[in-house]
């Protein structure tokens, strides 16, 4: 439960479910969000599992028995009615085994994380974990189609549902009123292009394209700058590339801030947001125009989604604003072209921002998403009870 799209999604949904009167536990192997979890009135169960990606796979396997024991104990002591597992193989495995032992319904959500490693997607599809779940929630139609197309018959697809990622609009609007204290503020800057993500190896190609777009943007808008917000393993590489671009331009065209806790305030202060997934949705909630620059190549061969407009919003939503529905690969030229198109027309930016906000209110409002999940849980619990009575 460190800061990230999935983690923020889980915490936000749990807060909304708390408002609806439900009692919740979050089981995880710790992280920076634990204090926020407890402050929200949500109980936390510590699971000492070790990810196969962050350590040795044998250690991950060895951690399973203790994690399974603690999960079963939490289900029994907490009188848990339904368990909801997210995307990653170890949590889904632990949850699936615990639910079978305790005879508690299981809901699984699959998001973009399942696509980061094709091997993991193949294991999940072949393991039978999804077939054992009472309901499988997909954040986009694309992920459902990739996961279910060859393995699920019509009856199985009845157990699946698409529920998109959510945004807490109250939190978004509150961020607008907060003063953004940015040490790198520059009164000469007239336009800001913002990128927000973890600076990890899987995302580095997209980040590089955004940074390298700065010289072309500066040619048309000499006072514009690109802000890179985030931290991760490739932070030093990003910092060195930004310095190189700035030396070439002869000015601070690119600024790397590192980790920023109040990302929404940074989004509100920008003119254009370049990103994907959750960041794109948050930017639309802040009424900002969005350029989708992805990092995972989709079935059509591309990952550059370009501008989010009224004409293509459904296509963007169907692949979670990832660019995977495109035939174009993200490049500095494509990024700079989309950004300069927006910077050249303030009214167009405003129109796209207003449309984006309206779309988020209709589709991604956390209150509506929580209601949808509440219905999923109720159906799963009702189905499990009926099965026990047979």
Protein backbone atom coordinates (compact mmCIF):
# COMPACT_ATOMS: atom_id res chain seq x y z
CA UNK A 1 0.00 0.00 0.00
CA UNK A 2 2.52 2.54 -1.16
CA UNK A 3 1.45 5.53 -3.26
CA UNK A 4 0.29 4.35 -6.68
CA UNK A 5 -2.79 4.20 -8.88
CA UNK A 6 -4.11 0.85 -7.61
CA UNK A 7 -3.37 1.67 -3.98
CA UNK A 8 -5.11 5.06 -4.18
CA UNK A 9 -8.03 3.37 -5.90
CA UNK A 10 -8.42 0.81 -3.10
CA UNK A 11 -8.18 3.40 -0.34
CA UNK A 12 -10.62 5.74 -2.10
CA UNK A 13 -13.18 2.99 -2.64
CA UNK A 14 -12.90 1.86 0.97
CA UNK A 15 -13.55 5.43 2.15
CA UNK A 16 -16.69 5.59 0.00
CA UNK A 17 -17.87 2.19 1.23
CA UNK A 18 -17.35 3.38 4.81
CA UNK A 19 -19.70 6.29 4.06
CA UNK A 20 -22.28 3.73 2.95
CA UNK A 21 -22.07 2.07 6.37
CA UNK A 22 -19.82 -0.90 5.66
CA UNK A 23 -17.00 -2.18 7.88
CA UNK A 24 -13.75 -2.80 6.03
CA UNK A 25 -10.37 -4.41 6.40
CA UNK A 26 -7.41 -3.93 4.06
CA UNK A 27 -4.89 -6.78 4.03
CA UNK A 28 -1.47 -5.89 2.62
CA UNK A 29 2.25 -6.17 3.27
CA UNK A 30 2.45 -2.59 4.54
CA UNK A 31 3.46 0.69 2.93
CA UNK A 32 3.27 4.45 3.23
CA UNK A 33 -0.54 4.57 3.13
CA UNK A 34 -1.10 2.57 6.32
CA UNK A 35 -1.53 5.72 8.44
CA UNK A 36 -4.17 7.04 6.02
CA UNK A 37 -5.93 3.67 6.11
CA UNK A 38 -6.22 3.79 9.88
CA UNK A 39 -7.17 7.48 9.93
CA UNK A 40 -10.05 6.61 7.61
CA UNK A 41 -11.39 4.16 10.20
CA UNK A 42 -10.34 1.10 8.19
CA UNK A 43 -8.63 -1.80 9.92
CA UNK A 44 -5.41 -3.20 8.50
CA UNK A 45 -4.20 -6.80 8.45
CA UNK A 46 -0.43 -7.14 7.93
CA UNK A 47 0.49 -9.89 5.47
CA UNK A 48 4.26 -10.57 5.30
CA UNK A 49 4.27 -11.78 1.71
CA UNK A 50 7.20 -11.10 -0.58
CA UNK A 51 6.60 -10.26 -4.21
CA UNK A 52 8.36 -12.46 -6.74
CA UNK A 53 9.19 -9.31 -8.72
CA UNK A 54 10.88 -7.57 -5.78
CA UNK A 55 12.71 -10.56 -4.40
CA UNK A 56 13.32 -14.22 -4.95
CA UNK A 57 10.34 -16.29 -6.03
CA UNK A 58 11.10 -19.00 -3.40
CA UNK A 59 10.74 -16.38 -0.65
CA UNK A 60 7.38 -15.36 -2.12
CA UNK A 61 6.21 -18.98 -2.06
CA UNK A 62 7.53 -19.52 1.48
CA UNK A 63 5.56 -16.53 2.73
CA UNK A 64 2.23 -17.95 1.55
CA UNK A 65 1.37 -20.24 4.53
CA UNK A 66 1.65 -17.46 7.12
CA UNK A 67 -0.23 -15.02 4.88
CA UNK A 68 -2.97 -17.58 4.35
CA UNK A 69 -3.23 -18.22 8.09
CA UNK A 70 -3.53 -14.49 8.88
CA UNK A 71 -6.11 -13.98 6.13
CA UNK A 72 -8.26 -16.85 7.41
CA UNK A 73 -7.98 -15.53 10.96
CA UNK A 74 -9.05 -12.05 9.81
CA UNK A 75 -12.02 -13.43 7.89
CA UNK A 76 -13.21 -15.32 10.97
CA UNK A 77 -12.48 -12.69 13.63
CA UNK A 78 -13.73 -9.83 11.48
CA UNK A 79 -16.84 -11.73 10.39
CA UNK A 80 -16.00 -10.92 6.81
CA UNK A 81 -18.88 -11.38 4.35
CA UNK A 82 -16.93 -10.93 1.11
CA UNK A 83 -13.26 -10.74 0.11
CA UNK A 84 -12.08 -8.49 -2.73
CA UNK A 85 -8.62 -9.19 -4.23
CA UNK A 86 -6.76 -6.92 -6.65
CA UNK A 87 -4.83 -7.87 -9.82
CA UNK A 88 -1.59 -9.31 -8.50
CA UNK A 89 -0.99 -13.05 -8.38
CA UNK A 90 0.02 -13.54 -4.73
CA UNK A 91 -2.87 -11.58 -3.19
CA UNK A 92 -5.33 -13.31 -5.51
CA UNK A 93 -3.91 -16.73 -4.63
CA UNK A 94 -4.08 -16.05 -0.89
CA UNK A 95 -7.62 -14.67 -1.14
CA UNK A 96 -8.83 -17.57 -3.32
CA UNK A 97 -7.52 -20.24 -0.93
CA UNK A 98 -8.85 -18.43 2.16
CA UNK A 99 -12.30 -17.97 0.63
CA UNK A 100 -12.55 -21.66 -0.28
CA UNK A 101 -11.57 -22.68 3.25
CA UNK A 102 -13.90 -20.18 4.95
CA UNK A 103 -16.68 -20.53 2.36
CA UNK A 104 -16.78 -16.79 1.77
CA UNK A 105 -17.49 -15.26 -1.66
CA UNK A 106 -14.57 -13.84 -3.62
CA UNK A 107 -14.52 -10.79 -5.90
CA UNK A 108 -11.44 -10.12 -8.04
CA UNK A 109 -10.54 -6.88 -9.82
CA UNK A 110 -8.13 -6.93 -12.74
CA UNK A 111 -6.57 -3.62 -13.78
CA UNK A 112 -3.69 -2.52 -16.00
CA UNK A 113 -1.19 -4.15 -13.64
CA UNK A 114 -2.08 -7.52 -15.12
CA UNK A 115 -0.71 -6.35 -18.50
CA UNK A 116 2.69 -5.21 -17.23
CA UNK A 117 4.04 -8.76 -17.52
CA UNK A 118 2.58 -11.10 -20.13
CA UNK A 119 3.79 -14.09 -18.11
CA UNK A 120 1.62 -13.03 -15.17
CA UNK A 121 -1.41 -12.63 -17.42
CA UNK A 122 -0.85 -16.13 -18.81
CA UNK A 123 -0.51 -17.62 -15.32
CA UNK A 124 -3.66 -15.91 -14.11
CA UNK A 125 -5.63 -17.10 -17.15
CA UNK A 126 -4.41 -20.69 -16.81
CA UNK A 127 -4.47 -21.01 -13.01
CA UNK A 128 -8.24 -21.22 -12.60
CA UNK A 129 -8.27 -18.42 -10.01
CA UNK A 130 -10.74 -16.34 -12.03
CA UNK A 131 -13.10 -19.30 -12.45
CA UNK A 132 -13.19 -19.76 -8.67
CA UNK A 133 -14.23 -16.13 -8.07
CA UNK A 134 -17.90 -15.28 -7.68
CA UNK A 135 -17.42 -12.08 -9.70
CA UNK A 136 -14.53 -10.71 -11.71
CA UNK A 137 -14.41 -6.92 -12.12
CA UNK A 138 -12.44 -5.41 -14.99
CA UNK A 139 -11.56 -1.71 -15.11
CA UNK A 140 -11.91 -1.67 -18.90
CA UNK A 141 -13.53 -3.65 -21.70
CA UNK A 142 -10.07 -4.20 -23.21
CA UNK A 143 -8.81 -6.14 -20.18
CA UNK A 144 -11.99 -8.23 -20.05
CA UNK A 145 -11.66 -9.13 -23.71
CA UNK A 146 -7.98 -10.03 -23.35
CA UNK A 147 -8.66 -12.18 -20.29
CA UNK A 148 -11.95 -13.83 -21.24
CA UNK A 149 -11.95 -14.13 -25.03
CA UNK A 150 -10.77 -17.72 -25.35
CA UNK A 151 -11.35 -19.18 -21.92
CA UNK A 152 -14.80 -18.05 -20.87
CA UNK A 153 -18.10 -19.19 -22.27
CA UNK A 154 -21.33 -17.20 -22.05
CA UNK A 155 -22.13 -18.36 -18.50
CA UNK A 156 -18.70 -17.31 -17.27
CA UNK A 157 -19.02 -13.87 -18.84
CA UNK A 158 -22.16 -13.37 -16.78
CA UNK A 159 -19.86 -13.39 -13.75
CA UNK A 160 -17.80 -10.50 -15.12
CA UNK A 161 -18.50 -6.79 -15.04
CA UNK A 162 -16.65 -3.67 -16.20
CA UNK A 163 -16.38 -0.97 -13.54
CA UNK A 164 -13.93 1.85 -14.41
CA UNK A 165 -11.47 3.55 -12.08
CA UNK A 166 -12.88 6.22 -9.80
CA UNK A 167 -12.06 9.75 -8.66
CA UNK A 168 -13.17 11.41 -5.45
CA UNK A 169 -14.59 14.68 -6.80
CA UNK A 170 -14.84 16.21 -3.34
CA UNK A 171 -11.10 15.66 -2.86
CA UNK A 172 -10.42 17.04 -6.34
CA UNK A 173 -12.41 20.21 -5.70
CA UNK A 174 -10.81 20.70 -2.28
CA UNK A 175 -7.36 20.59 -3.90
CA UNK A 176 -8.29 23.53 -6.13
CA UNK A 177 -8.48 25.81 -3.09
CA UNK A 178 -5.13 24.77 -1.66
CA UNK A 179 -2.13 27.00 -2.26
CA UNK A 180 0.54 25.23 -4.24
CA UNK A 181 3.93 25.98 -2.73
CA UNK A 182 6.35 25.10 -5.50
CA UNK A 183 10.00 25.99 -4.89
CA UNK A 184 10.71 25.92 -8.63
CA UNK A 185 8.01 28.42 -9.55
CA UNK A 186 9.03 30.84 -12.28
CA UNK A 187 7.05 33.99 -12.97
CA UNK A 188 8.33 34.04 -16.56
CA UNK A 189 6.63 30.72 -17.33
CA UNK A 190 3.41 31.13 -19.29
CA UNK A 191 2.44 27.48 -19.91
CA UNK A 192 2.97 24.25 -17.98
CA UNK A 193 2.86 20.71 -19.35
CA UNK A 194 2.65 18.14 -16.55
CA UNK A 195 3.62 14.47 -16.41
CA UNK A 196 2.89 12.40 -13.27
CA UNK A 197 3.89 8.76 -12.76
CA UNK A 198 6.24 6.45 -10.94
CA UNK A 199 9.68 6.68 -12.56
CA UNK A 200 10.07 2.93 -13.00
CA UNK A 201 11.71 0.86 -15.77
CA UNK A 202 8.39 -0.06 -17.39
CA UNK A 203 7.36 3.61 -17.75
CA UNK A 204 10.73 5.11 -18.65
CA UNK A 205 10.22 5.13 -22.44
CA UNK A 206 7.07 7.24 -22.06
CA UNK A 207 8.79 9.65 -19.64
CA UNK A 208 11.73 10.03 -22.02
CA UNK A 209 9.39 10.91 -24.89
CA UNK A 210 7.77 13.62 -22.78
CA UNK A 211 11.10 15.12 -21.68
CA UNK A 212 12.52 15.08 -25.21
CA UNK A 213 9.41 16.88 -26.49
CA UNK A 214 10.42 20.02 -24.56
CA UNK A 215 12.77 21.57 -27.19
CA UNK A 216 10.11 21.41 -29.93
CA UNK A 217 7.50 22.86 -27.56
CA UNK A 218 9.92 25.65 -26.63
CA UNK A 219 10.42 26.56 -30.29
CA UNK A 220 6.76 27.58 -30.55
CA UNK A 221 6.22 28.64 -26.92
CA UNK A 222 9.51 29.99 -25.54
CA UNK A 223 8.20 30.35 -21.99
CA UNK A 224 6.60 26.91 -21.69
CA UNK A 225 8.05 24.24 -19.45
CA UNK A 226 7.57 20.53 -18.78
CA UNK A 227 7.14 19.38 -15.17
CA UNK A 228 7.95 15.74 -14.31
CA UNK A 229 6.41 14.60 -11.01
CA UNK A 230 7.23 11.21 -9.54
CA UNK A 231 9.87 9.02 -8.00
CA UNK A 232 11.24 5.55 -8.54
CA UNK A 233 14.20 3.50 -9.66
CA UNK A 234 14.83 5.63 -12.77
CA UNK A 235 14.73 9.00 -11.01
CA UNK A 236 18.44 9.69 -11.55
CA UNK A 237 18.19 8.79 -15.24
CA UNK A 238 15.25 11.17 -15.64
CA UNK A 239 17.12 13.91 -13.76
CA UNK A 240 20.21 13.58 -16.00
CA UNK A 241 18.10 13.62 -19.17
CA UNK A 242 16.29 16.75 -17.96
CA UNK A 243 19.65 18.46 -17.32
CA UNK A 244 20.83 17.52 -20.80
CA UNK A 245 17.69 18.93 -22.43
CA UNK A 246 17.94 22.11 -20.36
CA UNK A 247 21.58 22.61 -21.44
CA UNK A 248 20.54 22.24 -25.06
CA UNK A 249 17.66 24.69 -24.70
CA UNK A 250 19.65 27.10 -22.55
CA UNK A 251 16.92 27.37 -19.91
CA UNK A 252 14.98 25.31 -17.38
CA UNK A 253 12.58 23.85 -19.91
CA UNK A 254 12.21 20.63 -17.89
CA UNK A 255 11.83 20.47 -14.10
CA UNK A 256 11.92 17.16 -12.19
CA UNK A 257 10.25 17.60 -8.81
CA UNK A 258 10.54 14.09 -7.37
CA UNK A 259 7.76 12.83 -5.13
CA UNK A 260 4.87 15.25 -4.54
CA UNK A 261 2.20 14.28 -2.03
CA UNK A 262 -0.48 16.73 -3.17
CA UNK A 263 -0.58 15.76 -6.85
CA UNK A 264 -4.07 17.15 -7.40
CA UNK A 265 -2.91 20.68 -6.54
CA UNK A 266 -0.11 20.33 -9.09
CA UNK A 267 -2.63 19.20 -11.71
CA UNK A 268 -4.86 22.21 -10.98
CA UNK A 269 -1.89 24.54 -11.56
CA UNK A 270 -0.98 23.06 -14.97
CA UNK A 271 -2.25 23.90 -18.45
CA UNK A 272 -1.88 20.51 -20.12
CA UNK A 273 -1.54 17.06 -18.51
CA UNK A 274 0.32 14.31 -20.32
CA UNK A 275 -0.21 10.87 -18.84
CA UNK A 276 -2.29 7.74 -18.70
CA UNK A 277 -4.68 5.73 -16.54
CA UNK A 278 -5.57 7.20 -13.18
CA UNK A 279 -3.61 10.40 -13.83
CA UNK A 280 -5.60 11.05 -17.01
CA UNK A 281 -8.88 10.62 -15.12
CA UNK A 282 -7.73 12.92 -12.30
CA UNK A 283 -6.66 15.53 -14.84
CA UNK A 284 -10.09 15.45 -16.51
CA UNK A 285 -11.68 15.78 -13.07
CA UNK A 286 -9.61 18.96 -12.67
CA UNK A 287 -10.98 20.18 -16.04
CA UNK A 288 -7.56 19.93 -17.71
CA UNK A 289 -6.99 18.80 -21.31
CA UNK A 290 -5.23 15.45 -21.52
CA UNK A 291 -2.70 13.93 -23.91
CA UNK A 292 -2.54 10.14 -23.44
CA UNK A 293 1.01 8.79 -23.67
CA UNK A 294 1.16 5.13 -22.70
CA UNK A 295 3.96 2.68 -21.97
CA UNK A 296 2.47 -0.72 -22.91
CA UNK A 297 2.00 -1.48 -26.61
CA UNK A 298 -1.52 -2.71 -27.38
CA UNK A 299 -2.92 -5.16 -29.90
CA UNK A 300 -3.04 -2.50 -32.60
CA UNK A 301 0.70 -1.90 -32.23
CA UNK A 302 0.71 1.47 -30.48
CA UNK A 303 0.56 3.22 -27.12
CA UNK A 304 0.12 6.89 -28.07
CA UNK A 305 -3.51 7.86 -27.55
CA UNK A 306 -3.15 11.58 -28.21
CA UNK A 307 -5.76 14.14 -27.22
CA UNK A 308 -8.79 13.03 -25.25
CA UNK A 309 -11.79 14.52 -27.05
CA UNK A 310 -15.54 14.10 -27.21
CA UNK A 311 -15.14 12.12 -30.43
CA UNK A 312 -12.71 9.51 -29.04
CA UNK A 313 -13.56 9.38 -25.34
CA UNK A 314 -15.22 5.96 -25.57
CA UNK A 315 -12.16 4.48 -27.26
CA UNK A 316 -9.93 5.95 -24.56
CA UNK A 317 -12.19 4.68 -21.79
CA UNK A 318 -12.34 1.18 -23.29
CA UNK A 319 -8.58 0.79 -22.77
CA UNK A 320 -8.36 2.85 -19.56
CA UNK A 321 -6.74 5.90 -21.17
CA UNK A 322 -3.60 3.87 -21.90
CA UNK A 323 -3.15 4.50 -25.63
CA UNK A 324 -3.25 0.74 -26.28
CA UNK A 325 -6.04 1.18 -28.82
CA UNK A 326 -3.75 3.28 -31.03
CA UNK A 327 -1.53 2.26 -33.93
CA UNK A 328 1.05 4.94 -33.03
CA UNK A 329 4.11 4.51 -30.80
CA UNK A 330 4.77 7.39 -28.40
CA UNK A 331 7.56 9.67 -29.66
CA UNK A 332 8.77 13.19 -28.73
CA UNK A 333 7.37 14.57 -32.01
CA UNK A 334 3.88 13.18 -31.34
CA UNK A 335 3.93 14.49 -27.76
CA UNK A 336 5.12 17.97 -28.77
CA UNK A 337 2.58 18.15 -31.62
CA UNK A 338 -0.35 17.37 -29.32
CA UNK A 339 0.88 19.76 -26.60
CA UNK A 340 1.47 22.68 -28.97
CA UNK A 341 -1.98 22.16 -30.50
CA UNK A 342 -3.46 22.68 -27.04
CA UNK A 343 -1.18 25.54 -26.00
CA UNK A 344 -2.03 27.43 -29.21
CA UNK A 345 -5.75 27.54 -28.44
CA UNK A 346 -6.87 28.51 -24.94
CA UNK A 347 -10.57 28.18 -25.79
CA UNK A 348 -10.00 24.67 -27.13
CA UNK A 349 -8.20 23.74 -23.91
CA UNK A 350 -11.07 25.12 -21.87
CA UNK A 351 -13.65 23.26 -23.93
CA UNK A 352 -11.80 19.94 -23.60
CA UNK A 353 -11.37 20.53 -19.88
CA UNK A 354 -15.07 21.17 -19.33
CA UNK A 355 -15.99 18.10 -21.36
CA UNK A 356 -13.52 15.97 -19.41
CA UNK A 357 -14.96 17.10 -16.09
CA UNK A 358 -18.51 16.28 -17.23
CA UNK A 359 -17.38 12.84 -18.39
CA UNK A 360 -15.73 12.09 -15.04
CA UNK A 361 -18.87 13.17 -13.18
CA UNK A 362 -20.92 10.77 -15.27
CA UNK A 363 -18.58 7.76 -15.39
CA UNK A 364 -15.82 7.93 -12.75
CA UNK A 365 -17.45 9.58 -9.72
CA UNK A 366 -16.36 7.59 -6.63
CA UNK A 367 -19.87 7.68 -5.18
CA UNK A 368 -21.31 5.99 -8.26
CA UNK A 369 -18.47 3.45 -8.43
CA UNK A 370 -18.91 2.55 -4.76
CA UNK A 371 -22.63 1.96 -5.35
CA UNK A 372 -21.79 -0.37 -8.25
CA UNK A 373 -19.34 -2.32 -6.10
CA UNK A 374 -21.84 -2.46 -3.25
CA UNK A 375 -24.26 -4.15 -5.66
CA UNK A 376 -21.54 -6.60 -6.76
CA UNK A 377 -20.82 -7.52 -3.14
CA UNK A 378 -24.51 -7.96 -2.31
CA UNK A 379 -25.02 -10.28 -5.29
CA UNK A 380 -21.92 -12.31 -4.37
CA UNK A 381 -23.04 -12.72 -0.75
CA UNK A 382 -26.60 -13.61 -1.78
CA UNK A 383 -25.32 -16.17 -4.29
CA UNK A 384 -23.02 -17.77 -1.71
CA UNK A 385 -25.85 -18.08 0.80
CA UNK A 386 -28.14 -19.66 -1.76
CA UNK A 387 -25.40 -22.14 -2.70
CA UNK A 388 -24.96 -23.17 0.95
CA UNK A 389 -28.71 -23.77 1.30
CA UNK A 390 -28.81 -26.24 -1.61
